[in-house]
Amino acid sequence: MARVLIADDEPNIREVISFALERAGFATLTARNGTEALQQVRRSPVDLVILDIGMPEMDGLEVCRQLRKTSDVPILFLSARDEEIDRVLGLEIGGDDYVTKPFSTRELVARVNVILKRARNGERMPAAMSHGRLKLDAARHAVWFDGRPVTLTALEFEILGALLARPEVVFSREQIMEAAYGAGTYVSDRTIDSHVRNLRAKFADAGCPPVIETVHGVGFRLGTDL
């Protein structure tokens, strides 16, 4: 049974999410603020963290930054409608996805399932792939460039795997969206762009040329100089 930590300063939101996830077969833990969330993760390993961006004192973005120093646990952000900049920043600092308040519990449970499915097995891609100096091992959920490991979130891993499986193909944003989230799930173009930008930054830090190239007016493809 997957364990999900819900960190939100509003008791009713924690209760609603806990109820929905437990009905879907998950075990849940809760935290009232960012400090409690960090303590919970350090005390008892979890499979996914749901973080409210707008918590007082230590907000969800800072919790994510702290977690990413030592953990690659998947993170799903909750954000208000007027916090688009924070949502994009959340993806760039290591979040896997976000759900906007007010939210549908059905959508939230679906997003949790998608993230955990991607994190666990990478089942829709071959066990191992390589292109130039880029190597991906789906079974180990690991990626290297020129022998240097690159740490990716579950959704970044799925996007890279889709591009790596068909390196000559130009993918539209819709195709990348389906590769990352599965069919029938809608996210904004800006969310896809954030994931792509984050992938580029992480590989650039490893000394990699642009790992994803933009084909203007069409979409994205795997870099040609890897």
C-alpha atoms as a PDB file:
ATOM      1  CA  MET A   1       0.000   0.000   0.000  1.00  0.00           C
ATOM      2  CA  ALA A   2       1.539   3.304  -1.096  1.00  0.00           C
ATOM      3  CA  ARG A   3       1.958   5.925   1.647  1.00  0.00           C
ATOM      4  CA  VAL A   4       1.107   9.554   0.824  1.00  0.00           C
ATOM      5  CA  LEU A   5       1.942  12.533   3.029  1.00  0.00           C
ATOM      6  CA  ILE A   6      -0.505  15.459   2.799  1.00  0.00           C
ATOM      7  CA  ALA A   7       0.901  18.807   3.972  1.00  0.00           C
ATOM      8  CA  ASP A   8      -1.622  21.655   4.128  1.00  0.00           C
ATOM      9  CA  ASP A   9      -2.429  24.219   6.803  1.00  0.00           C
ATOM     10  CA  GLU A  10      -6.182  23.867   6.232  1.00  0.00           C
ATOM     11  CA  PRO A  11      -7.645  20.935   8.248  1.00  0.00           C
ATOM     12  CA  ASN A  12     -10.633  20.454   5.949  1.00  0.00           C
ATOM     13  CA  ILE A  13      -8.392  20.072   2.898  1.00  0.00           C
ATOM     14  CA  ARG A  14      -6.223  17.517   4.685  1.00  0.00           C
ATOM     15  CA  GLU A  15      -9.361  15.617   5.668  1.00  0.00           C
ATOM     16  CA  VAL A  16     -10.902  15.668   2.169  1.00  0.00           C
ATOM     17  CA  ILE A  17      -7.691  14.501   0.495  1.00  0.00           C
ATOM     18  CA  SER A  18      -7.055  11.801   3.106  1.00  0.00           C
ATOM     19  CA  PHE A  19     -10.579  10.447   2.675  1.00  0.00           C
ATOM     20  CA  ALA A  20     -10.305  10.373  -1.139  1.00  0.00           C
ATOM     21  CA  LEU A  21      -6.891   8.700  -1.143  1.00  0.00           C
ATOM     22  CA  GLU A  22      -7.819   6.124   1.487  1.00  0.00           C
ATOM     23  CA  ARG A  23     -10.917   5.189  -0.521  1.00  0.00           C
ATOM     24  CA  ALA A  24      -8.579   4.667  -3.486  1.00  0.00           C
ATOM     25  CA  GLY A  25      -6.411   2.282  -1.466  1.00  0.00           C
ATOM     26  CA  PHE A  26      -3.626   4.544  -0.201  1.00  0.00           C
ATOM     27  CA  ALA A  27      -2.338   4.989   3.332  1.00  0.00           C
ATOM     28  CA  THR A  28      -2.083   8.642   4.363  1.00  0.00           C
ATOM     29  CA  LEU A  29      -0.171  10.778   6.820  1.00  0.00           C
ATOM     30  CA  THR A  30      -0.772  14.483   7.394  1.00  0.00           C
ATOM     31  CA  ALA A  31       1.244  17.551   8.332  1.00  0.00           C
ATOM     32  CA  ARG A  32      -0.077  20.978   9.342  1.00  0.00           C
ATOM     33  CA  ASN A  33       2.906  22.933   8.045  1.00  0.00           C
ATOM     34  CA  GLY A  34       6.218  22.654   6.235  1.00  0.00           C
ATOM     35  CA  THR A  35       8.270  21.867   9.312  1.00  0.00           C
ATOM     36  CA  GLU A  36       5.995  18.959  10.230  1.00  0.00           C
ATOM     37  CA  ALA A  37       6.162  17.714   6.628  1.00  0.00           C
ATOM     38  CA  LEU A  38       9.963  17.550   6.708  1.00  0.00           C
ATOM     39  CA  GLN A  39       9.885  15.800  10.076  1.00  0.00           C
ATOM     40  CA  GLN A  40       7.373  13.229   8.813  1.00  0.00           C
ATOM     41  CA  VAL A  41       9.447  12.363   5.735  1.00  0.00           C
ATOM     42  CA  ARG A  42      12.637  12.037   7.776  1.00  0.00           C
ATOM     43  CA  ARG A  43      10.915   9.908  10.416  1.00  0.00           C
ATOM     44  CA  SER A  44       8.921   7.611   8.156  1.00  0.00           C
ATOM     45  CA  PRO A  45       9.554   7.072   4.424  1.00  0.00           C
ATOM     46  CA  VAL A  46       6.630   7.886   2.112  1.00  0.00           C
ATOM     47  CA  ASP A  47       5.958   7.178  -1.564  1.00  0.00           C
ATOM     48  CA  LEU A  48       4.624  10.629  -2.476  1.00  0.00           C
ATOM     49  CA  VAL A  49       4.197  14.064  -0.865  1.00  0.00           C
ATOM     50  CA  ILE A  50       1.291  16.423  -1.556  1.00  0.00           C
ATOM     51  CA  LEU A  51       2.434  19.957  -0.715  1.00  0.00           C
ATOM     52  CA  ASP A  52       0.342  23.100  -0.459  1.00  0.00           C
ATOM     53  CA  ILE A  53       2.383  25.932  -1.945  1.00  0.00           C
ATOM     54  CA  GLY A  54       0.719  28.583   0.208  1.00  0.00           C
ATOM     55  CA  MET A  55       1.485  27.315   3.711  1.00  0.00           C
ATOM     56  CA  PRO A  56       2.599  30.024   6.182  1.00  0.00           C
ATOM     57  CA  GLU A  57       6.100  30.170   7.711  1.00  0.00           C
ATOM     58  CA  MET A  58       7.663  27.487   5.486  1.00  0.00           C
ATOM     59  CA  ASP A  59       5.783  27.272   2.201  1.00  0.00           C
ATOM     60  CA  GLY A  60       5.591  24.262  -0.081  1.00  0.00           C
ATOM     61  CA  LEU A  61       8.324  25.545  -2.389  1.00  0.00           C
ATOM     62  CA  GLU A  62      10.827  25.719   0.461  1.00  0.00           C
ATOM     63  CA  VAL A  63       9.794  22.267   1.667  1.00  0.00           C
ATOM     64  CA  CYS A  64      10.457  20.965  -1.840  1.00  0.00           C
ATOM     65  CA  ARG A  65      13.895  22.599  -1.908  1.00  0.00           C
ATOM     66  CA  GLN A  66      14.769  21.008   1.418  1.00  0.00           C
ATOM     67  CA  LEU A  67      13.498  17.574   0.377  1.00  0.00           C
ATOM     68  CA  ARG A  68      15.406  17.636  -2.888  1.00  0.00           C
ATOM     69  CA  LYS A  69      18.697  17.950  -1.024  1.00  0.00           C
ATOM     70  CA  THR A  70      18.358  14.371   0.196  1.00  0.00           C
ATOM     71  CA  SER A  71      15.323  12.749  -1.438  1.00  0.00           C
ATOM     72  CA  ASP A  72      13.787  12.108  -4.854  1.00  0.00           C
ATOM     73  CA  VAL A  73      10.337  11.315  -3.403  1.00  0.00           C
ATOM     74  CA  PRO A  74       7.657  12.396  -5.909  1.00  0.00           C
ATOM     75  CA  ILE A  75       6.015  15.732  -5.063  1.00  0.00           C
ATOM     76  CA  LEU A  76       2.563  16.953  -6.116  1.00  0.00           C
ATOM     77  CA  PHE A  77       1.870  20.633  -5.434  1.00  0.00           C
ATOM     78  CA  LEU A  78      -1.472  22.167  -4.536  1.00  0.00           C
ATOM     79  CA  SER A  79      -1.754  25.758  -5.725  1.00  0.00           C
ATOM     80  CA  ALA A  80      -4.309  28.550  -5.855  1.00  0.00           C
ATOM     81  CA  ARG A  81      -5.480  29.869  -9.218  1.00  0.00           C
ATOM     82  CA  ASP A  82      -3.542  33.116  -8.868  1.00  0.00           C
ATOM     83  CA  GLU A  83      -0.183  31.439  -8.223  1.00  0.00           C
ATOM     84  CA  GLU A  84       0.872  30.482 -11.762  1.00  0.00           C
ATOM     85  CA  ILE A  85       4.433  31.741 -11.283  1.00  0.00           C
ATOM     86  CA  ASP A  86       4.769  29.634  -8.134  1.00  0.00           C
ATOM     87  CA  ARG A  87       3.390  26.574  -9.926  1.00  0.00           C
ATOM     88  CA  VAL A  88       5.969  26.893 -12.701  1.00  0.00           C
ATOM     89  CA  LEU A  89       8.737  27.478 -10.161  1.00  0.00           C
ATOM     90  CA  GLY A  90       7.575  24.410  -8.254  1.00  0.00           C
ATOM     91  CA  LEU A  91       8.121  22.216 -11.301  1.00  0.00           C
ATOM     92  CA  GLU A  92      11.514  23.783 -11.947  1.00  0.00           C
ATOM     93  CA  ILE A  93      12.834  23.105  -8.435  1.00  0.00           C
ATOM     94  CA  GLY A  94      11.852  19.446  -8.486  1.00  0.00           C
ATOM     95  CA  GLY A  95       8.085  19.046  -8.237  1.00  0.00           C
ATOM     96  CA  ASP A  96       6.482  16.382 -10.398  1.00  0.00           C
ATOM     97  CA  ASP A  97       3.051  17.905 -10.949  1.00  0.00           C
ATOM     98  CA  TYR A  98       0.452  20.244  -9.494  1.00  0.00           C
ATOM     99  CA  VAL A  99      -3.301  20.414  -8.952  1.00  0.00           C
ATOM    100  CA  THR A 100      -5.065  23.771  -8.784  1.00  0.00           C
ATOM    101  CA  LYS A 101      -7.431  24.729  -5.955  1.00  0.00           C
ATOM    102  CA  PRO A 102     -10.352  24.277  -5.873  1.00  0.00           C
ATOM    103  CA  PHE A 103      -9.701  20.783  -7.162  1.00  0.00           C
ATOM    104  CA  SER A 104     -11.597  17.643  -8.019  1.00  0.00           C
ATOM    105  CA  THR A 105     -10.620  14.802  -5.693  1.00  0.00           C
ATOM    106  CA  ARG A 106     -11.044  12.440  -8.647  1.00  0.00           C
ATOM    107  CA  GLU A 107      -8.459  14.417 -10.620  1.00  0.00           C
ATOM    108  CA  LEU A 108      -6.104  14.540  -7.642  1.00  0.00           C
ATOM    109  CA  VAL A 109      -6.283  10.769  -7.132  1.00  0.00           C
ATOM    110  CA  ALA A 110      -5.700  10.260 -10.870  1.00  0.00           C
ATOM    111  CA  ARG A 111      -2.609  12.483 -10.771  1.00  0.00           C
ATOM    112  CA  VAL A 112      -1.263  10.608  -7.737  1.00  0.00           C
ATOM    113  CA  ASN A 113      -1.737   7.300  -9.552  1.00  0.00           C
ATOM    114  CA  VAL A 114       0.046   8.621 -12.653  1.00  0.00           C
ATOM    115  CA  ILE A 115       3.042   9.897 -10.710  1.00  0.00           C
ATOM    116  CA  LEU A 116       3.440   6.703  -8.684  1.00  0.00           C
ATOM    117  CA  LYS A 117       3.046   4.514 -11.753  1.00  0.00           C
ATOM    118  CA  ARG A 118       5.768   6.454 -13.560  1.00  0.00           C
ATOM    119  CA  ALA A 119       8.049   6.431 -10.523  1.00  0.00           C
ATOM    120  CA  ARG A 120       7.759   2.692  -9.945  1.00  0.00           C
ATOM    121  CA  ASN A 121       8.305   0.982 -13.228  1.00  0.00           C
ATOM    122  CA  GLY A 122       8.597   3.008 -16.415  1.00  0.00           C
ATOM    123  CA  GLU A 123       6.681   0.124 -17.956  1.00  0.00           C
ATOM    124  CA  ARG A 124       5.930   1.775 -21.307  1.00  0.00           C
ATOM    125  CA  MET A 125       9.577   2.057 -22.343  1.00  0.00           C
ATOM    126  CA  PRO A 126      12.336  -0.503 -23.032  1.00  0.00           C
ATOM    127  CA  ALA A 127      14.399  -1.600 -20.037  1.00  0.00           C
ATOM    128  CA  ALA A 128      17.485   0.237 -21.323  1.00  0.00           C
ATOM    129  CA  MET A 129      18.088   2.812 -24.047  1.00  0.00           C
ATOM    130  CA  SER A 130      21.014   4.902 -25.203  1.00  0.00           C
ATOM    131  CA  HIS A 131      21.763   7.629 -27.724  1.00  0.00           C
ATOM    132  CA  GLY A 132      25.293   8.923 -28.038  1.00  0.00           C
ATOM    133  CA  ARG A 133      26.543   9.619 -24.518  1.00  0.00           C
ATOM    134  CA  LEU A 134      23.027   9.529 -23.065  1.00  0.00           C
ATOM    135  CA  LYS A 135      21.937   6.322 -21.322  1.00  0.00           C
ATOM    136  CA  LEU A 136      18.662   5.433 -19.594  1.00  0.00           C
ATOM    137  CA  ASP A 137      17.887   2.408 -17.432  1.00  0.00           C
ATOM    138  CA  ALA A 138      14.122   2.150 -16.873  1.00  0.00           C
ATOM    139  CA  ALA A 139      14.349  -0.730 -14.411  1.00  0.00           C
ATOM    140  CA  ARG A 140      16.645   1.272 -12.127  1.00  0.00           C
ATOM    141  CA  HIS A 141      14.973   4.604 -12.940  1.00  0.00           C
ATOM    142  CA  ALA A 142      18.426   6.008 -13.685  1.00  0.00           C
ATOM    143  CA  VAL A 143      19.889   8.283 -16.359  1.00  0.00           C
ATOM    144  CA  TRP A 144      23.500   9.133 -17.179  1.00  0.00           C
ATOM    145  CA  PHE A 145      25.201  11.531 -19.561  1.00  0.00           C
ATOM    146  CA  ASP A 146      28.800  10.684 -20.396  1.00  0.00           C
ATOM    147  CA  GLY A 147      28.894   8.506 -17.284  1.00  0.00           C
ATOM    148  CA  ARG A 148      27.573  11.223 -14.965  1.00  0.00           C
ATOM    149  CA  PRO A 149      24.240  10.511 -13.242  1.00  0.00           C
ATOM    150  CA  VAL A 150      21.372  12.970 -13.780  1.00  0.00           C
ATOM    151  CA  THR A 151      18.534  12.947 -11.245  1.00  0.00           C
ATOM    152  CA  LEU A 152      15.060  13.322 -12.783  1.00  0.00           C
ATOM    153  CA  THR A 153      11.539  13.452 -11.419  1.00  0.00           C
ATOM    154  CA  ALA A 154       9.154  10.694 -12.499  1.00  0.00           C
ATOM    155  CA  LEU A 155       7.488  12.840 -15.176  1.00  0.00           C
ATOM    156  CA  GLU A 156      10.804  14.200 -16.503  1.00  0.00           C
ATOM    157  CA  PHE A 157      12.005  10.597 -16.753  1.00  0.00           C
ATOM    158  CA  GLU A 158       8.936   9.616 -18.758  1.00  0.00           C
ATOM    159  CA  ILE A 159       9.306  12.564 -21.154  1.00  0.00           C
ATOM    160  CA  LEU A 160      12.975  11.800 -21.766  1.00  0.00           C
ATOM    161  CA  GLY A 161      12.181   8.116 -22.286  1.00  0.00           C
ATOM    162  CA  ALA A 162       9.572   8.935 -24.929  1.00  0.00           C
ATOM    163  CA  LEU A 163      12.008  11.164 -26.826  1.00  0.00           C
ATOM    164  CA  LEU A 164      14.857   8.680 -26.473  1.00  0.00           C
ATOM    165  CA  ALA A 165      12.730   5.813 -27.814  1.00  0.00           C
ATOM    166  CA  ARG A 166      12.158   7.764 -31.058  1.00  0.00           C
ATOM    167  CA  PRO A 167      15.123  10.139 -31.394  1.00  0.00           C
ATOM    168  CA  GLU A 168      14.342  11.222 -34.949  1.00  0.00           C
ATOM    169  CA  VAL A 169      10.706  12.117 -34.255  1.00  0.00           C
ATOM    170  CA  VAL A 170       9.476  15.638 -33.476  1.00  0.00           C
ATOM    171  CA  PHE A 171       6.900  15.460 -30.659  1.00  0.00           C
ATOM    172  CA  SER A 172       4.085  17.946 -30.303  1.00  0.00           C
ATOM    173  CA  ARG A 173       3.245  19.240 -26.836  1.00  0.00           C
ATOM    174  CA  GLU A 174       0.138  17.046 -26.918  1.00  0.00           C
ATOM    175  CA  GLN A 175       2.253  13.943 -27.566  1.00  0.00           C
ATOM    176  CA  ILE A 176       4.650  14.842 -24.770  1.00  0.00           C
ATOM    177  CA  MET A 177       1.669  15.459 -22.487  1.00  0.00           C
ATOM    178  CA  GLU A 178       0.332  11.971 -23.227  1.00  0.00           C
ATOM    179  CA  ALA A 179       3.754  10.384 -22.719  1.00  0.00           C
ATOM    180  CA  ALA A 180       4.127  12.009 -19.311  1.00  0.00           C
ATOM    181  CA  TYR A 181       0.582  11.941 -17.956  1.00  0.00           C
ATOM    182  CA  GLY A 182      -1.199   9.289 -19.989  1.00  0.00           C
ATOM    183  CA  ALA A 183      -4.167   9.681 -22.313  1.00  0.00           C
ATOM    184  CA  GLY A 184      -7.104  11.807 -21.240  1.00  0.00           C
ATOM    185  CA  THR A 185      -5.213  14.063 -18.811  1.00  0.00           C
ATOM    186  CA  TYR A 186      -4.974  17.755 -19.650  1.00  0.00           C
ATOM    187  CA  VAL A 187      -2.210  20.069 -18.474  1.00  0.00           C
ATOM    188  CA  SER A 188      -1.277  23.469 -19.866  1.00  0.00           C
ATOM    189  CA  ASP A 189       1.401  24.028 -22.513  1.00  0.00           C
ATOM    190  CA  ARG A 190       3.308  26.039 -19.943  1.00  0.00           C
ATOM    191  CA  THR A 191       3.563  22.983 -17.700  1.00  0.00           C
ATOM    192  CA  ILE A 192       5.105  20.954 -20.541  1.00  0.00           C
ATOM    193  CA  ASP A 193       7.496  23.828 -21.301  1.00  0.00           C
ATOM    194  CA  SER A 194       8.530  23.886 -17.630  1.00  0.00           C
ATOM    195  CA  HIS A 195       9.366  20.171 -17.679  1.00  0.00           C
ATOM    196  CA  VAL A 196      11.381  20.609 -20.896  1.00  0.00           C
ATOM    197  CA  ARG A 197      13.232  23.619 -19.489  1.00  0.00           C
ATOM    198  CA  ASN A 198      14.026  21.697 -16.320  1.00  0.00           C
ATOM    199  CA  LEU A 199      15.377  18.734 -18.286  1.00  0.00           C
ATOM    200  CA  ARG A 200      17.618  21.044 -20.298  1.00  0.00           C
ATOM    201  CA  ALA A 201      18.956  22.698 -17.143  1.00  0.00           C
ATOM    202  CA  LYS A 202      19.719  19.410 -15.398  1.00  0.00           C
ATOM    203  CA  PHE A 203      21.601  17.995 -18.386  1.00  0.00           C
ATOM    204  CA  ALA A 204      23.421  21.284 -18.935  1.00  0.00           C
ATOM    205  CA  ASP A 205      24.708  20.989 -15.372  1.00  0.00           C
ATOM    206  CA  ALA A 206      26.118  17.578 -16.365  1.00  0.00           C
ATOM    207  CA  GLY A 207      27.971  19.126 -19.326  1.00  0.00           C
ATOM    208  CA  CYS A 208      25.440  17.989 -21.920  1.00  0.00           C
ATOM    209  CA  PRO A 209      24.614  19.960 -25.087  1.00  0.00           C
ATOM    210  CA  PRO A 210      20.889  20.806 -25.392  1.00  0.00           C
ATOM    211  CA  VAL A 211      19.273  17.458 -24.568  1.00  0.00           C
ATOM    212  CA  ILE A 212      15.971  18.599 -26.107  1.00  0.00           C
ATOM    213  CA  GLU A 213      15.774  20.797 -29.190  1.00  0.00           C
ATOM    214  CA  THR A 214      12.837  23.026 -30.110  1.00  0.00           C
ATOM    215  CA  VAL A 215      11.432  22.690 -33.628  1.00  0.00           C
ATOM    216  CA  HIS A 216       9.627  26.002 -33.956  1.00  0.00           C
ATOM    217  CA  GLY A 217       5.958  25.722 -34.782  1.00  0.00           C
ATOM    218  CA  VAL A 218       5.990  21.936 -34.309  1.00  0.00           C
ATOM    219  CA  GLY A 219       7.337  20.799 -30.948  1.00  0.00           C
ATOM    220  CA  PHE A 220      10.420  19.113 -29.487  1.00  0.00           C
ATOM    221  CA  ARG A 221      12.869  16.342 -30.307  1.00  0.00           C
ATOM    222  CA  LEU A 222      15.886  14.712 -28.712  1.00  0.00           C
ATOM    223  CA  GLY A 223      19.082  16.729 -29.155  1.00  0.00           C
ATOM    224  CA  THR A 224      21.125  15.830 -32.224  1.00  0.00           C
ATOM    225  CA  ASP A 225      24.561  16.449 -30.685  1.00  0.00           C
ATOM    226  CA  LEU A 226      24.629  14.032 -27.777  1.00  0.00           C
END
